[in-house]
C-alpha atoms as a PDB file:
ATOM      1  CA  MET A   1      -0.072   0.581   0.019  1.00  0.00           C
ATOM      2  CA  VAL A   2       1.627   3.404  -1.124  1.00  0.00           C
ATOM      3  CA  VAL A   3       0.086   6.596   1.086  1.00  0.00           C
ATOM      4  CA  PRO A   4       2.112   9.237  -0.439  1.00  0.00           C
ATOM      5  CA  ALA A   5       4.072  11.609   2.647  1.00  0.00           C
ATOM      6  CA  THR A   6       3.487  14.894   0.705  1.00  0.00           C
ATOM      7  CA  ALA A   7      -0.327  15.007   0.621  1.00  0.00           C
ATOM      8  CA  ALA A   8      -0.332  17.062   4.155  1.00  0.00           C
ATOM      9  CA  SER A   9       1.710  19.699   2.826  1.00  0.00           C
ATOM     10  CA  HIS A  10      -0.341  20.145  -0.405  1.00  0.00           C
ATOM     11  CA  HIS A  11      -2.248  23.627  -0.088  1.00  0.00           C
ATOM     12  CA  GLY A  12      -6.241  23.293   0.860  1.00  0.00           C
ATOM     13  CA  HIS A  13      -8.542  23.813   3.560  1.00  0.00           C
ATOM     14  CA  HIS A  14      -8.941  21.877   6.057  1.00  0.00           C
ATOM     15  CA  PRO A  15     -10.479  21.791  10.056  1.00  0.00           C
ATOM     16  CA  PRO A  16      -8.066  23.230  12.677  1.00  0.00           C
ATOM     17  CA  GLY A  17      -5.741  20.207  14.454  1.00  0.00           C
ATOM     18  CA  HIS A  18      -6.891  18.067  11.118  1.00  0.00           C
ATOM     19  CA  GLY A  19      -3.665  18.190   9.453  1.00  0.00           C
ATOM     20  CA  ALA A  20      -2.123  14.920   9.630  1.00  0.00           C
ATOM     21  CA  VAL A  21      -2.587  11.806   6.690  1.00  0.00           C
ATOM     22  CA  ILE A  22      -4.062   8.878   8.693  1.00  0.00           C
ATOM     23  CA  ALA A  23      -3.252   5.571   6.450  1.00  0.00           C
ATOM     24  CA  PRO A  24      -6.085   3.743   5.217  1.00  0.00           C
ATOM     25  CA  PRO A  25      -7.417   0.345   6.620  1.00  0.00           C
ATOM     26  CA  PRO A  26      -5.343  -2.670   4.616  1.00  0.00           C
ATOM     27  CA  ALA A  27      -8.430  -3.552   2.316  1.00  0.00           C
ATOM     28  CA  ALA A  28      -8.655   0.227   1.461  1.00  0.00           C
ATOM     29  CA  VAL A  29      -6.861   1.843  -1.371  1.00  0.00           C
ATOM     30  CA  HIS A  30      -3.007   1.898  -2.705  1.00  0.00           C
ATOM     31  CA  LEU A  31      -2.419   4.771  -5.104  1.00  0.00           C
ATOM     32  CA  TRP A  32      -3.490   8.216  -5.814  1.00  0.00           C
ATOM     33  CA  VAL A  33      -4.688   8.871  -9.359  1.00  0.00           C
ATOM     34  CA  THR A  34      -4.727  12.032 -10.982  1.00  0.00           C
ATOM     35  CA  PRO A  35      -8.116  13.903 -10.029  1.00  0.00           C
ATOM     36  CA  PRO A  36     -10.511  14.218 -13.073  1.00  0.00           C
ATOM     37  CA  ASN A  37     -10.318  16.751 -15.800  1.00  0.00           C
ATOM     38  CA  ALA A  38     -10.822  17.308 -19.203  1.00  0.00           C
ATOM     39  CA  ASP A  39      -7.393  15.743 -20.429  1.00  0.00           C
ATOM     40  CA  THR A  40      -9.213  11.922 -19.446  1.00  0.00           C
ATOM     41  CA  LYS A  41     -12.194  12.959 -22.344  1.00  0.00           C
ATOM     42  CA  ILE A  42     -14.242   9.932 -22.358  1.00  0.00           C
ATOM     43  CA  ALA A  43     -12.124   7.384 -21.759  1.00  0.00           C
ATOM     44  CA  CYS A  44     -11.986   6.552 -18.160  1.00  0.00           C
ATOM     45  CA  THR A  45      -8.130   5.431 -17.865  1.00  0.00           C
ATOM     46  CA  SER A  46      -6.593   5.295 -14.175  1.00  0.00           C
ATOM     47  CA  LEU A  47     -10.252   6.652 -13.056  1.00  0.00           C
ATOM     48  CA  CYS A  48     -11.859   3.134 -14.163  1.00  0.00           C
ATOM     49  CA  ASN A  49     -12.178   1.840 -10.757  1.00  0.00           C
ATOM     50  CA  THR A  50     -11.789   4.484  -7.880  1.00  0.00           C
ATOM     51  CA  VAL A  51     -12.919   5.272  -4.497  1.00  0.00           C
ATOM     52  CA  ILE A  52     -13.128   9.223  -3.330  1.00  0.00           C
ATOM     53  CA  CYS A  53     -11.552  10.399   0.001  1.00  0.00           C
ATOM     54  CA  LEU A  54     -10.602  12.981   1.918  1.00  0.00           C
ATOM     55  CA  THR A  55      -7.508  14.378   0.969  1.00  0.00           C
ATOM     56  CA  TYR A  56      -6.096  15.057   4.891  1.00  0.00           C
ATOM     57  CA  ASP A  57      -8.020  11.948   6.401  1.00  0.00           C
ATOM     58  CA  SER A  58      -7.295   9.325   3.265  1.00  0.00           C
ATOM     59  CA  GLY A  59      -9.026   6.701   5.272  1.00  0.00           C
ATOM     60  CA  GLN A  60     -12.464   8.254   5.039  1.00  0.00           C
ATOM     61  CA  CYS A  61     -13.838   7.618   2.038  1.00  0.00           C
ATOM     62  CA  ILE A  62     -17.814   8.366   0.227  1.00  0.00           C
ATOM     63  CA  THR A  63     -19.737   5.468   1.783  1.00  0.00           C
ATOM     64  CA  ALA A  64     -23.232   3.790   0.735  1.00  0.00           C
ATOM     65  CA  GLN A  65     -24.082   5.561   3.800  1.00  0.00           C
ATOM     66  CA  ASP A  66     -22.924   8.807   3.085  1.00  0.00           C
ATOM     67  CA  VAL A  67     -25.655   9.152   0.480  1.00  0.00           C
ATOM     68  CA  GLU A  68     -28.637   6.980   1.980  1.00  0.00           C
ATOM     69  CA  GLY A  69     -28.110   8.555   5.507  1.00  0.00           C
ATOM     70  CA  VAL A  70     -28.344   4.878   7.174  1.00  0.00           C
ATOM     71  CA  ILE A  71     -25.500   4.579   9.445  1.00  0.00           C
ATOM     72  CA  GLY A  72     -22.142   5.542   8.747  1.00  0.00           C
ATOM     73  CA  SER A  73     -20.613   8.576   8.046  1.00  0.00           C
ATOM     74  CA  ILE A  74     -17.774   9.137   5.319  1.00  0.00           C
ATOM     75  CA  GLY A  75     -15.884   5.893   5.878  1.00  0.00           C
ATOM     76  CA  THR A  76     -15.690   5.626   9.621  1.00  0.00           C
ATOM     77  CA  ILE A  77     -17.373   2.508   9.336  1.00  0.00           C
ATOM     78  CA  THR A  78     -16.230  -0.684   6.956  1.00  0.00           C
ATOM     79  CA  SER A  79     -14.568  -0.743   3.584  1.00  0.00           C
ATOM     80  CA  THR A  80     -17.039  -3.054   2.472  1.00  0.00           C
ATOM     81  CA  ALA A  81     -19.437  -0.008   2.148  1.00  0.00           C
ATOM     82  CA  TRP A  82     -16.834   2.375  -0.059  1.00  0.00           C
ATOM     83  CA  ILE A  83     -18.759   3.270  -3.224  1.00  0.00           C
ATOM     84  CA  ILE A  84     -16.235   2.418  -6.561  1.00  0.00           C
ATOM     85  CA  TYR A  85     -16.488   4.910  -8.987  1.00  0.00           C
ATOM     86  CA  GLN A  86     -15.718   5.463 -12.961  1.00  0.00           C
ATOM     87  CA  VAL A  87     -14.953   8.876 -13.363  1.00  0.00           C
ATOM     88  CA  ILE A  88     -15.866  10.160 -17.041  1.00  0.00           C
ATOM     89  CA  THR A  89     -15.067  13.891 -18.274  1.00  0.00           C
ATOM     90  CA  ASN A  90     -16.004  15.623 -21.099  1.00  0.00           C
ATOM     91  CA  ARG A  91     -13.977  18.275 -22.923  1.00  0.00           C
ATOM     92  CA  LYS A  92     -15.766  21.101 -20.887  1.00  0.00           C
ATOM     93  CA  GLY A  93     -13.700  19.559 -17.848  1.00  0.00           C
ATOM     94  CA  GLN A  94     -17.663  18.593 -16.265  1.00  0.00           C
ATOM     95  CA  SER A  95     -16.942  14.979 -14.431  1.00  0.00           C
ATOM     96  CA  THR A  96     -19.211  11.964 -13.991  1.00  0.00           C
ATOM     97  CA  ASP A  97     -18.925  10.044 -11.209  1.00  0.00           C
ATOM     98  CA  LYS A  98     -20.729   6.534 -12.022  1.00  0.00           C
ATOM     99  CA  GLY A  99     -21.103   4.142  -9.325  1.00  0.00           C
ATOM    100  CA  LYS A 100     -19.904   0.392 -10.502  1.00  0.00           C
ATOM    101  CA  ASP A 101     -20.720  -1.512  -6.565  1.00  0.00           C
ATOM    102  CA  THR A 102     -18.909  -1.158  -2.939  1.00  0.00           C
ATOM    103  CA  GLU A 103     -15.854  -2.516  -1.950  1.00  0.00           C
ATOM    104  CA  GLY A 104     -17.473  -5.619  -0.799  1.00  0.00           C
ATOM    105  CA  GLY A 105     -19.221  -6.450  -4.248  1.00  0.00           C
ATOM    106  CA  SER A 106     -22.639  -4.767  -3.673  1.00  0.00           C
ATOM    107  CA  GLU A 107     -24.711  -4.437  -7.040  1.00  0.00           C
ATOM    108  CA  LYS A 108     -26.819  -1.414  -5.276  1.00  0.00           C
ATOM    109  CA  PHE A 109     -24.824   1.466  -6.669  1.00  0.00           C
ATOM    110  CA  GLU A 110     -24.381   0.397  -9.998  1.00  0.00           C
ATOM    111  CA  GLY A 111     -25.143   2.670 -12.601  1.00  0.00           C
ATOM    112  CA  LEU A 112     -26.012   5.753 -10.145  1.00  0.00           C
ATOM    113  CA  CYS A 113     -24.181   8.757 -10.190  1.00  0.00           C
ATOM    114  CA  LEU A 114     -22.816  11.148  -7.408  1.00  0.00           C
ATOM    115  CA  ALA A 115     -25.388  14.024  -7.973  1.00  0.00           C
ATOM    116  CA  ALA A 116     -26.708  17.516  -5.577  1.00  0.00           C
ATOM    117  CA  ALA A 117     -29.441  19.813  -6.302  1.00  0.00           C
ATOM    118  CA  PRO A 118     -28.469  23.218  -4.519  1.00  0.00           C
ATOM    119  CA  ASN A 119     -30.817  26.126  -5.121  1.00  0.00           C
ATOM    120  CA  THR A 120     -30.997  29.610  -4.669  1.00  0.00           C
ATOM    121  CA  SER A 121     -31.801  29.408  -1.308  1.00  0.00           C
ATOM    122  CA  ASP A 122     -29.517  27.122  -0.188  1.00  0.00           C
ATOM    123  CA  GLY A 123     -32.164  24.437   0.045  1.00  0.00           C
ATOM    124  CA  ASN A 124     -31.523  20.621  -1.308  1.00  0.00           C
ATOM    125  CA  ASP A 125     -27.968  20.794  -0.899  1.00  0.00           C
ATOM    126  CA  ARG A 126     -27.309  17.477   0.411  1.00  0.00           C
ATOM    127  CA  VAL A 127     -25.477  15.224  -1.935  1.00  0.00           C
ATOM    128  CA  TYR A 128     -27.471  12.090  -3.110  1.00  0.00           C
ATOM    129  CA  GLU A 129     -26.879   9.441  -6.047  1.00  0.00           C
ATOM    130  CA  THR A 130     -29.524   9.627  -9.336  1.00  0.00           C
ATOM    131  CA  SER A 131     -29.664   7.063 -12.081  1.00  0.00           C
ATOM    132  CA  ASN A 132     -30.016  10.359 -14.623  1.00  0.00           C
ATOM    133  CA  CYS A 133     -25.930  10.543 -15.017  1.00  0.00           C
ATOM    134  CA  PHE A 134     -24.808  12.289 -18.044  1.00  0.00           C
ATOM    135  CA  GLY A 135     -25.854  15.512 -19.403  1.00  0.00           C
ATOM    136  CA  ASN A 136     -27.528  16.162 -15.945  1.00  0.00           C
ATOM    137  CA  LYS A 137     -26.266  19.380 -14.483  1.00  0.00           C
ATOM    138  CA  TYR A 138     -27.065  18.084 -11.049  1.00  0.00           C
ATOM    139  CA  ALA A 139     -24.703  15.162 -11.676  1.00  0.00           C
ATOM    140  CA  SER A 140     -21.833  17.011 -13.229  1.00  0.00           C
ATOM    141  CA  TRP A 141     -18.884  18.282 -11.021  1.00  0.00           C
ATOM    142  CA  THR A 142     -15.597  20.011 -12.181  1.00  0.00           C
ATOM    143  CA  CYS A 143     -12.070  19.896 -10.248  1.00  0.00           C
ATOM    144  CA  ILE A 144     -11.053  23.513  -8.939  1.00  0.00           C
ATOM    145  CA  ASP A 145      -8.039  24.563  -6.731  1.00  0.00           C
ATOM    146  CA  ARG A 146      -6.326  21.225  -8.081  1.00  0.00           C
ATOM    147  CA  THR A 147      -3.287  20.052  -7.301  1.00  0.00           C
ATOM    148  CA  LYS A 148      -1.862  17.101  -8.734  1.00  0.00           C
ATOM    149  CA  THR A 149      -3.381  14.790  -6.339  1.00  0.00           C
ATOM    150  CA  SER A 150      -6.804  16.474  -4.910  1.00  0.00           C
ATOM    151  CA  CYS A 151      -9.025  19.022  -5.670  1.00  0.00           C
ATOM    152  CA  HIS A 152     -12.237  20.813  -4.459  1.00  0.00           C
ATOM    153  CA  TYR A 153     -15.282  19.396  -6.245  1.00  0.00           C
ATOM    154  CA  GLU A 154     -17.472  22.193  -7.667  1.00  0.00           C
ATOM    155  CA  SER A 155     -21.320  21.377  -8.438  1.00  0.00           C
ATOM    156  CA  TRP A 156     -21.617  22.245 -11.959  1.00  0.00           C
ATOM    157  CA  ALA A 157     -25.548  23.008 -10.919  1.00  0.00           C
ATOM    158  CA  ALA A 158     -24.590  25.372  -8.430  1.00  0.00           C
ATOM    159  CA  ARG A 159     -22.242  27.071 -10.800  1.00  0.00           C
ATOM    160  CA  ASP A 160     -24.722  27.781 -13.125  1.00  0.00           C
ATOM    161  CA  GLU A 161     -26.547  29.907 -11.064  1.00  0.00           C
ATOM    162  CA  HIS A 162     -23.036  31.452 -10.035  1.00  0.00           C
ATOM    163  CA  ARG A 163     -22.433  29.943  -6.673  1.00  0.00           C
ATOM    164  CA  ASN A 164     -19.339  28.340  -5.558  1.00  0.00           C
ATOM    165  CA  TYR A 165     -20.526  25.103  -4.148  1.00  0.00           C
ATOM    166  CA  VAL A 166     -18.375  22.161  -3.646  1.00  0.00           C
ATOM    167  CA  LEU A 167     -18.600  18.874  -2.303  1.00  0.00           C
ATOM    168  CA  THR A 168     -18.389  18.917   1.659  1.00  0.00           C
ATOM    169  CA  GLU A 169     -18.160  16.857   4.634  1.00  0.00           C
ATOM    170  CA  LEU A 170     -19.222  18.739   7.516  1.00  0.00           C
ATOM    171  CA  ASN A 171     -17.860  16.171  10.130  1.00  0.00           C
ATOM    172  CA  THR A 172     -16.375  12.814  10.412  1.00  0.00           C
ATOM    173  CA  ARG A 173     -19.001  11.346  12.932  1.00  0.00           C
ATOM    174  CA  ASN A 174     -21.351   8.454  11.884  1.00  0.00           C
ATOM    175  CA  GLY A 175     -24.492   9.399  10.707  1.00  0.00           C
ATOM    176  CA  ALA A 176     -22.765  12.799   8.594  1.00  0.00           C
ATOM    177  CA  PHE A 177     -24.479  13.310   5.244  1.00  0.00           C
ATOM    178  CA  ASN A 178     -22.507  14.805   2.447  1.00  0.00           C
ATOM    179  CA  TYR A 179     -23.287  18.151   1.364  1.00  0.00           C
ATOM    180  CA  VAL A 180     -22.681  21.122  -1.325  1.00  0.00           C
ATOM    181  CA  LYS A 181     -21.617  23.992   0.379  1.00  0.00           C
ATOM    182  CA  PRO A 182     -19.539  27.386   0.099  1.00  0.00           C
ATOM    183  CA  ASP A 183     -15.712  26.767  -1.446  1.00  0.00           C
ATOM    184  CA  ASN A 184     -13.997  27.569   1.787  1.00  0.00           C
ATOM    185  CA  THR A 185     -16.591  26.960   4.324  1.00  0.00           C
ATOM    186  CA  LYS A 186     -14.818  27.113   7.916  1.00  0.00           C
ATOM    187  CA  GLY A 187     -14.459  23.839  10.172  1.00  0.00           C
ATOM    188  CA  THR A 188     -15.808  21.607   7.296  1.00  0.00           C
ATOM    189  CA  TRP A 189     -13.807  19.169   5.065  1.00  0.00           C
ATOM    190  CA  GLN A 190     -13.986  19.984   1.187  1.00  0.00           C
ATOM    191  CA  ARG A 191     -10.950  18.859  -0.346  1.00  0.00           C
ATOM    192  CA  TRP A 192     -10.577  15.362  -1.895  1.00  0.00           C
ATOM    193  CA  SER A 193      -8.434  12.808  -3.902  1.00  0.00           C
ATOM    194  CA  TRP A 194      -9.116   9.622  -5.931  1.00  0.00           C
ATOM    195  CA  PHE A 195      -7.496   6.439  -5.439  1.00  0.00           C
ATOM    196  CA  ASN A 196      -7.218   3.260  -6.880  1.00  0.00           C
ATOM    197  CA  ALA A 197      -9.792   0.674  -5.696  1.00  0.00           C
END
């Protein structure tokens, strides 16, 4: 298993006192891949089988519970709930994260895509999974403030409303949901990395 020692030095917002990188458990992920961008075009290349994890706490990855609100939060349960995504991007730099399965082999999220539908009154900002994937602005994302191994993942639906809202974890406790919130919201987790599953 390889977890780069340089991850904590990358520029980006993280909550006070949470700057250390925590190694994933043995059954987890192995290598960083370059975050989604227009260069990958339609071919998934290295983003065929990835999990999306917090850059500054790489054992905390998006799980089935994050998008259903069942029990765990962002990876604080077991790796069997981590959603494995195929990331597809277009020439505009819009990415769609399409579920293939979970770390434990469940097919429940196969074909579903990561989405958010924030509105002008700050409602509907919780992240969910949808079967309406491609050509759907709610399931479209783009990397901003990117480094070689991480970025803030901006909601294209929010961008259409001239709002800089990014994929956000408010905290890492069990039962917490993922949201899209304004970029650089204090006290939240907003920098993400993609790992080979």
